[in-house]
Structures are given as structure tokens and as C-alpha cells.
Amino acid sequence: MICVAGSGAALGRQYAFTVGAWSGSVPAGPAPGGYCIVGPSLPAGSIATIQQTTSPYNAVSTIAVAPIGQLVSTADLASGTAKVTIGSGATSVTYTDYATTGYVAVCANPYRPFTGTLAFTVNPGNLGPFTVPYGACSPPITVTAGSVVIASFTSICGIYGSTTIPASRQILSNSVSSIVTVVPGDISTQTIVTINSATPCM
């Protein structure tokens, strides 16, 4: 059995695994047990290497093997690898994964000169609403790394395009939201988003 227990935004995400030539995927379920799939049938006494396909947007916090004595050596969390001895019955390997985080800062730029504040929310996580004066930027906001949606919170506040620093992190921009990429890391790798507002948001 291969199981995945997710933490936070990792819940429900599909995680890919290989055991030799076998491959499969497991949706992350609630801790501590998560959701499981039946892996390959292997001869008793053989050693199997379970490998989770890692990505920059998730990491492994623990790998638990049951029965515990079948773990061959200390699991490698960085590579998502565990070596186990196959017993006469079922061998269970449970991965606990979590979503990595990064930072986004939002700057408000009026398309035409006016005063006031921009109100916005950030997803995933349904964060906010935040407000920032026109001509200023928010402090860095901690978010789940990956695709992040910055949406206008006030209905009369239209978005007239947006840009990012670095420029490559702008995915999509329309009249109500800006979708950007946030990479895992600290403030030095944050995504800075400038929202151009077409009408005032008071």
C-alpha cells in the first residue's frame, strides 16, 4: 500500500509514485493516514524502492513504513525515496506531504490619477481582503506557491491590466483578477504584482 497524507493546500492533490517499472498516483487525504492505493505485488524478501515524484511546490515531511522493521534505511525526504523489504503480508508506506510557500506583494497603480485604496483578495487560501493606497505596495504576503489569483474585492474597482516582477510570472490578467506564479522561497524570490485600476476603489 502507498498512502499520502496532505497538509493544508496539499489535500486532494495527486502525487505520482514509481516502484521499479510500476507507476501510479495517490490523492492526498487527511492526516495521519491519508488516502491509499494498492501498489505492485512483489516477492517476499525483495527490496523495493518507492519514489515519489517531487516538484518545487510540494515537499515531504515524513515517510512511515509499517511494519516499521521493513524500512531498509533512513528514508530520504528530499528525494521522496524509501527502500523497504517486502514481507509476506502487506507493506504500507505513508508519505506526509505539505505545500511549499512563497511571497507576493501587490502594488496599486491608478490608470488615471485618483486617490483612494485598492481592495483585493488572494487565493488559494481566501486571504484578505487587503487594502493598499494607490501609488503604494502591500507588504509581502505569504501564500501557497504555484498559481495565485489576486482579485478585485470591490465590485466598482476594475482592473486595467497588471504586470509582474519578474515579468515571466504573469499568467493571465482580466477586468476582475490577475493570475500570477509564486515560486517557493523567501522574500528575495517574491512576486511583485502591479495592478492597474481603471476606476477608483474607495
C-alpha atoms as a PDB file:
ATOM      1  CA  MET A   1       0.000   0.000   0.000  1.00  0.00           C
ATOM      2  CA  ILE A   2       1.167   3.526  -0.801  1.00  0.00           C
ATOM      3  CA  CYS A   3      -0.554   6.297   1.150  1.00  0.00           C
ATOM      4  CA  VAL A   4      -0.341  10.108   1.096  1.00  0.00           C
ATOM      5  CA  ALA A   5      -1.444  12.376   3.936  1.00  0.00           C
ATOM      6  CA  GLY A   6      -1.632  16.032   2.946  1.00  0.00           C
ATOM      7  CA  SER A   7      -1.218  19.192   4.940  1.00  0.00           C
ATOM      8  CA  GLY A   8      -3.097  22.381   4.091  1.00  0.00           C
ATOM      9  CA  ALA A   9      -3.294  23.058   0.370  1.00  0.00           C
ATOM     10  CA  ALA A  10      -1.750  19.656  -0.368  1.00  0.00           C
ATOM     11  CA  LEU A  11      -5.095  17.940   0.363  1.00  0.00           C
ATOM     12  CA  GLY A  12      -6.628  16.401  -2.752  1.00  0.00           C
ATOM     13  CA  ARG A  13      -3.535  16.927  -4.886  1.00  0.00           C
ATOM     14  CA  GLN A  14      -2.412  13.894  -6.912  1.00  0.00           C
ATOM     15  CA  TYR A  15       1.089  12.615  -6.140  1.00  0.00           C
ATOM     16  CA  ALA A  16       2.907  10.323  -8.576  1.00  0.00           C
ATOM     17  CA  PHE A  17       4.956   7.308  -7.477  1.00  0.00           C
ATOM     18  CA  THR A  18       7.159   4.673  -9.051  1.00  0.00           C
ATOM     19  CA  VAL A  19       8.231   1.279  -7.698  1.00  0.00           C
ATOM     20  CA  GLY A  20      10.646  -0.094 -10.275  1.00  0.00           C
ATOM     21  CA  ALA A  21       8.740  -0.287 -13.578  1.00  0.00           C
ATOM     22  CA  TRP A  22       5.384   0.238 -11.823  1.00  0.00           C
ATOM     23  CA  SER A  23       3.832   3.710 -11.611  1.00  0.00           C
ATOM     24  CA  GLY A  24       0.682   5.146 -10.029  1.00  0.00           C
ATOM     25  CA  SER A  25      -0.749   8.226  -8.354  1.00  0.00           C
ATOM     26  CA  VAL A  26      -2.372   8.855  -4.982  1.00  0.00           C
ATOM     27  CA  PRO A  27      -4.618  11.761  -3.920  1.00  0.00           C
ATOM     28  CA  ALA A  28      -3.519  13.334  -0.640  1.00  0.00           C
ATOM     29  CA  GLY A  29      -6.007  12.635   2.138  1.00  0.00           C
ATOM     30  CA  PRO A  30      -6.326  13.990   5.673  1.00  0.00           C
ATOM     31  CA  ALA A  31      -3.582  13.170   8.187  1.00  0.00           C
ATOM     32  CA  PRO A  32      -2.493  10.931   9.737  1.00  0.00           C
ATOM     33  CA  GLY A  33      -3.459   8.062   7.415  1.00  0.00           C
ATOM     34  CA  GLY A  34      -4.325   9.892   4.202  1.00  0.00           C
ATOM     35  CA  TYR A  35      -5.646   8.061   1.152  1.00  0.00           C
ATOM     36  CA  CYS A  36      -4.028   4.894  -0.202  1.00  0.00           C
ATOM     37  CA  ILE A  37      -3.718   2.770  -3.320  1.00  0.00           C
ATOM     38  CA  VAL A  38      -2.576  -0.826  -3.736  1.00  0.00           C
ATOM     39  CA  GLY A  39       0.917  -0.903  -5.190  1.00  0.00           C
ATOM     40  CA  PRO A  40       2.634  -3.699  -7.121  1.00  0.00           C
ATOM     41  CA  SER A  41       2.770  -7.284  -5.893  1.00  0.00           C
ATOM     42  CA  LEU A  42       6.411  -8.192  -5.228  1.00  0.00           C
ATOM     43  CA  PRO A  43       8.164 -11.342  -3.930  1.00  0.00           C
ATOM     44  CA  ALA A  44       8.584 -11.602  -0.153  1.00  0.00           C
ATOM     45  CA  GLY A  45      12.111 -10.743   0.905  1.00  0.00           C
ATOM     46  CA  SER A  46      12.823  -8.500  -2.084  1.00  0.00           C
ATOM     47  CA  ILE A  47      13.824  -4.877  -1.619  1.00  0.00           C
ATOM     48  CA  ALA A  48      11.662  -2.232  -3.263  1.00  0.00           C
ATOM     49  CA  THR A  49      12.460   1.436  -3.792  1.00  0.00           C
ATOM     50  CA  ILE A  50       9.398   3.707  -3.567  1.00  0.00           C
ATOM     51  CA  GLN A  51       9.972   7.039  -5.290  1.00  0.00           C
ATOM     52  CA  GLN A  52       7.602   9.999  -5.138  1.00  0.00           C
ATOM     53  CA  THR A  53       7.854  12.450  -7.999  1.00  0.00           C
ATOM     54  CA  THR A  54       8.751  15.731  -6.327  1.00  0.00           C
ATOM     55  CA  SER A  55       8.053  19.263  -7.522  1.00  0.00           C
ATOM     56  CA  PRO A  56       9.054  22.752  -6.334  1.00  0.00           C
ATOM     57  CA  TYR A  57       5.535  23.232  -4.979  1.00  0.00           C
ATOM     58  CA  ASN A  58       5.380  20.363  -2.511  1.00  0.00           C
ATOM     59  CA  ALA A  59       7.729  18.667  -0.065  1.00  0.00           C
ATOM     60  CA  VAL A  60       7.761  15.526   2.088  1.00  0.00           C
ATOM     61  CA  SER A  61       7.828  15.938   5.872  1.00  0.00           C
ATOM     62  CA  THR A  62       7.729  12.248   6.909  1.00  0.00           C
ATOM     63  CA  ILE A  63       7.764   8.750   5.414  1.00  0.00           C
ATOM     64  CA  ALA A  64       6.401   5.996   7.673  1.00  0.00           C
ATOM     65  CA  VAL A  65       6.671   2.279   6.943  1.00  0.00           C
ATOM     66  CA  ALA A  66       4.540  -0.443   8.516  1.00  0.00           C
ATOM     67  CA  PRO A  67       5.681  -2.866   9.747  1.00  0.00           C
ATOM     68  CA  ILE A  68       8.401  -0.458  10.830  1.00  0.00           C
ATOM     69  CA  GLY A  69      11.138  -3.114  10.706  1.00  0.00           C
ATOM     70  CA  GLN A  70      10.796  -3.372   6.926  1.00  0.00           C
ATOM     71  CA  LEU A  71      12.363   0.036   6.330  1.00  0.00           C
ATOM     72  CA  VAL A  72      15.814  -0.792   4.948  1.00  0.00           C
ATOM     73  CA  SER A  73      17.480   2.549   5.714  1.00  0.00           C
ATOM     74  CA  THR A  74      16.558   6.077   6.693  1.00  0.00           C
ATOM     75  CA  ALA A  75      14.076   7.490   4.171  1.00  0.00           C
ATOM     76  CA  ASP A  76      15.334  10.359   2.001  1.00  0.00           C
ATOM     77  CA  LEU A  77      12.773  13.146   2.417  1.00  0.00           C
ATOM     78  CA  ALA A  78      14.438  15.487  -0.093  1.00  0.00           C
ATOM     79  CA  SER A  79      14.107  12.992  -2.947  1.00  0.00           C
ATOM     80  CA  GLY A  80      10.915  11.340  -1.647  1.00  0.00           C
ATOM     81  CA  THR A  81      12.549   7.897  -1.612  1.00  0.00           C
ATOM     82  CA  ALA A  82      12.137   4.943   0.746  1.00  0.00           C
ATOM     83  CA  LYS A  83      13.644   1.437   0.482  1.00  0.00           C
ATOM     84  CA  VAL A  84      11.650  -1.338   2.105  1.00  0.00           C
ATOM     85  CA  THR A  85      11.871  -5.107   2.447  1.00  0.00           C
ATOM     86  CA  ILE A  86       8.724  -6.771   1.168  1.00  0.00           C
ATOM     87  CA  GLY A  87       7.126  -9.024   3.807  1.00  0.00           C
ATOM     88  CA  SER A  88       4.812 -11.995   3.495  1.00  0.00           C
ATOM     89  CA  GLY A  89       1.794  -9.726   4.018  1.00  0.00           C
ATOM     90  CA  ALA A  90       1.019  -6.137   3.095  1.00  0.00           C
ATOM     91  CA  THR A  91       3.711  -3.480   3.419  1.00  0.00           C
ATOM     92  CA  SER A  92       2.406   0.060   3.899  1.00  0.00           C
ATOM     93  CA  VAL A  93       4.382   3.221   3.090  1.00  0.00           C
ATOM     94  CA  THR A  94       2.774   6.524   4.119  1.00  0.00           C
ATOM     95  CA  TYR A  95       4.071   9.871   2.882  1.00  0.00           C
ATOM     96  CA  THR A  96       3.077  13.127   4.581  1.00  0.00           C
ATOM     97  CA  ASP A  97       3.320  15.992   2.108  1.00  0.00           C
ATOM     98  CA  TYR A  98       2.887  19.705   2.531  1.00  0.00           C
ATOM     99  CA  ALA A  99       2.547  22.612   0.134  1.00  0.00           C
ATOM    100  CA  THR A 100       5.521  24.942  -0.072  1.00  0.00           C
ATOM    101  CA  THR A 101       5.083  28.694   0.354  1.00  0.00           C
ATOM    102  CA  GLY A 102       6.337  31.882  -1.245  1.00  0.00           C
ATOM    103  CA  TYR A 103       5.577  35.596  -1.149  1.00  0.00           C
ATOM    104  CA  VAL A 104       3.576  38.036  -3.227  1.00  0.00           C
ATOM    105  CA  ALA A 105       3.408  41.833  -2.909  1.00  0.00           C
ATOM    106  CA  VAL A 106       0.648  43.837  -4.599  1.00  0.00           C
ATOM    107  CA  CYS A 107       1.122  47.408  -5.829  1.00  0.00           C
ATOM    108  CA  ALA A 108      -1.803  49.692  -6.753  1.00  0.00           C
ATOM    109  CA  ASN A 109      -1.408  51.886  -9.816  1.00  0.00           C
ATOM    110  CA  PRO A 110      -4.330  54.108 -10.952  1.00  0.00           C
ATOM    111  CA  TYR A 111      -4.800  54.073 -14.712  1.00  0.00           C
ATOM    112  CA  ARG A 112      -5.995  57.677 -14.364  1.00  0.00           C
ATOM    113  CA  PRO A 113      -4.960  59.966 -11.474  1.00  0.00           C
ATOM    114  CA  PHE A 114      -7.212  59.499  -8.454  1.00  0.00           C
ATOM    115  CA  THR A 115      -6.854  58.833  -4.754  1.00  0.00           C
ATOM    116  CA  GLY A 116      -8.159  56.055  -2.535  1.00  0.00           C
ATOM    117  CA  THR A 117      -7.244  52.442  -1.916  1.00  0.00           C
ATOM    118  CA  LEU A 118      -7.253  49.206  -3.856  1.00  0.00           C
ATOM    119  CA  ALA A 119      -9.036  46.327  -2.106  1.00  0.00           C
ATOM    120  CA  PHE A 120      -8.161  42.770  -3.123  1.00  0.00           C
ATOM    121  CA  THR A 121      -8.222  39.128  -2.062  1.00  0.00           C
ATOM    122  CA  VAL A 122      -5.622  36.430  -2.616  1.00  0.00           C
ATOM    123  CA  ASN A 123      -6.254  32.754  -3.401  1.00  0.00           C
ATOM    124  CA  PRO A 124      -5.658  29.935  -2.654  1.00  0.00           C
ATOM    125  CA  GLY A 125      -6.496  30.406   0.991  1.00  0.00           C
ATOM    126  CA  ASN A 126      -9.168  33.100   0.588  1.00  0.00           C
ATOM    127  CA  LEU A 127      -6.788  35.636   2.148  1.00  0.00           C
ATOM    128  CA  GLY A 128      -7.889  39.201   2.764  1.00  0.00           C
ATOM    129  CA  PRO A 129      -9.426  41.468   1.846  1.00  0.00           C
ATOM    130  CA  PHE A 130      -6.279  43.575   1.852  1.00  0.00           C
ATOM    131  CA  THR A 131      -6.121  47.284   1.065  1.00  0.00           C
ATOM    132  CA  VAL A 132      -3.260  49.339  -0.306  1.00  0.00           C
ATOM    133  CA  PRO A 133      -3.248  53.076  -1.216  1.00  0.00           C
ATOM    134  CA  TYR A 134      -2.794  53.980  -4.875  1.00  0.00           C
ATOM    135  CA  GLY A 135       0.854  54.606  -5.577  1.00  0.00           C
ATOM    136  CA  ALA A 136       1.971  52.154  -2.852  1.00  0.00           C
ATOM    137  CA  CYS A 137       2.581  48.423  -2.404  1.00  0.00           C
ATOM    138  CA  SER A 138       1.455  45.928   0.197  1.00  0.00           C
ATOM    139  CA  PRO A 139       3.991  44.192   2.415  1.00  0.00           C
ATOM    140  CA  PRO A 140       4.943  40.648   1.289  1.00  0.00           C
ATOM    141  CA  ILE A 141       2.026  38.228   1.772  1.00  0.00           C
ATOM    142  CA  THR A 142       2.751  34.554   2.490  1.00  0.00           C
ATOM    143  CA  VAL A 143       0.904  32.300   0.021  1.00  0.00           C
ATOM    144  CA  THR A 144       0.932  28.724  -1.228  1.00  0.00           C
ATOM    145  CA  ALA A 145       3.476  28.535  -4.041  1.00  0.00           C
ATOM    146  CA  GLY A 146       2.166  27.961  -7.551  1.00  0.00           C
ATOM    147  CA  SER A 147      -0.643  29.790  -9.348  1.00  0.00           C
ATOM    148  CA  VAL A 148      -2.033  32.645  -7.235  1.00  0.00           C
ATOM    149  CA  VAL A 149      -5.134  34.730  -8.014  1.00  0.00           C
ATOM    150  CA  ILE A 150      -5.310  38.388  -6.956  1.00  0.00           C
ATOM    151  CA  ALA A 151      -8.924  39.502  -7.324  1.00  0.00           C
ATOM    152  CA  SER A 152     -10.615  42.875  -7.027  1.00  0.00           C
ATOM    153  CA  PHE A 153     -12.662  42.864  -3.803  1.00  0.00           C
ATOM    154  CA  THR A 154     -14.794  45.933  -4.539  1.00  0.00           C
ATOM    155  CA  SER A 155     -17.134  45.453  -7.495  1.00  0.00           C
ATOM    156  CA  ILE A 156     -16.707  49.018  -8.822  1.00  0.00           C
ATOM    157  CA  CYS A 157     -12.928  48.614  -8.922  1.00  0.00           C
ATOM    158  CA  GLY A 158     -11.933  47.354 -12.357  1.00  0.00           C
ATOM    159  CA  ILE A 159      -8.518  46.002 -13.246  1.00  0.00           C
ATOM    160  CA  TYR A 160      -6.997  47.530 -16.348  1.00  0.00           C
ATOM    161  CA  GLY A 161      -4.183  45.062 -16.778  1.00  0.00           C
ATOM    162  CA  SER A 162      -1.369  44.033 -14.477  1.00  0.00           C
ATOM    163  CA  THR A 163       2.354  43.358 -14.636  1.00  0.00           C
ATOM    164  CA  THR A 164       4.781  41.347 -12.530  1.00  0.00           C
ATOM    165  CA  ILE A 165       8.384  41.442 -11.450  1.00  0.00           C
ATOM    166  CA  PRO A 166       9.856  39.164 -12.742  1.00  0.00           C
ATOM    167  CA  ALA A 167       7.797  39.697 -15.916  1.00  0.00           C
ATOM    168  CA  SER A 168       7.610  35.964 -16.690  1.00  0.00           C
ATOM    169  CA  ARG A 169       5.369  35.335 -13.672  1.00  0.00           C
ATOM    170  CA  GLN A 170       2.256  36.980 -15.143  1.00  0.00           C
ATOM    171  CA  ILE A 171      -0.076  34.156 -16.252  1.00  0.00           C
ATOM    172  CA  LEU A 172      -3.348  35.955 -17.018  1.00  0.00           C
ATOM    173  CA  SER A 173      -4.978  39.313 -16.380  1.00  0.00           C
ATOM    174  CA  ASN A 174      -8.575  40.396 -16.955  1.00  0.00           C
ATOM    175  CA  SER A 175     -11.010  43.004 -15.625  1.00  0.00           C
ATOM    176  CA  VAL A 176     -11.517  41.287 -12.257  1.00  0.00           C
ATOM    177  CA  SER A 177      -8.350  39.367 -11.437  1.00  0.00           C
ATOM    178  CA  SER A 178      -4.667  38.813 -12.064  1.00  0.00           C
ATOM    179  CA  ILE A 179      -3.229  35.286 -12.037  1.00  0.00           C
ATOM    180  CA  VAL A 180       0.471  35.020 -11.308  1.00  0.00           C
ATOM    181  CA  THR A 181       3.110  32.445 -10.449  1.00  0.00           C
ATOM    182  CA  VAL A 182       4.652  32.493  -6.970  1.00  0.00           C
ATOM    183  CA  VAL A 183       7.794  30.414  -6.513  1.00  0.00           C
ATOM    184  CA  PRO A 184       8.778  28.694  -3.256  1.00  0.00           C
ATOM    185  CA  GLY A 185      11.244  30.636  -1.177  1.00  0.00           C
ATOM    186  CA  ASP A 186      11.777  33.691   0.983  1.00  0.00           C
ATOM    187  CA  ILE A 187      11.120  37.371   0.346  1.00  0.00           C
ATOM    188  CA  SER A 188      14.090  37.577  -2.028  1.00  0.00           C
ATOM    189  CA  THR A 189      12.179  35.413  -4.541  1.00  0.00           C
ATOM    190  CA  GLN A 190       8.792  37.111  -4.117  1.00  0.00           C
ATOM    191  CA  THR A 191       6.491  38.013  -6.993  1.00  0.00           C
ATOM    192  CA  ILE A 192       5.642  41.724  -7.175  1.00  0.00           C
ATOM    193  CA  VAL A 193       2.321  42.418  -8.906  1.00  0.00           C
ATOM    194  CA  THR A 194       1.273  45.882 -10.093  1.00  0.00           C
ATOM    195  CA  ILE A 195      -2.493  46.218 -10.526  1.00  0.00           C
ATOM    196  CA  ASN A 196      -3.632  48.991 -12.867  1.00  0.00           C
ATOM    197  CA  SER A 197      -7.094  50.143 -11.757  1.00  0.00           C
ATOM    198  CA  ALA A 198      -9.497  51.635 -14.272  1.00  0.00           C
ATOM    199  CA  THR A 199     -11.852  53.216 -11.712  1.00  0.00           C
ATOM    200  CA  PRO A 200     -11.445  54.266  -8.084  1.00  0.00           C
ATOM    201  CA  CYS A 201     -11.985  51.836  -5.212  1.00  0.00           C
ATOM    202  CA  MET A 202     -12.875  53.752  -2.060  1.00  0.00           C
END
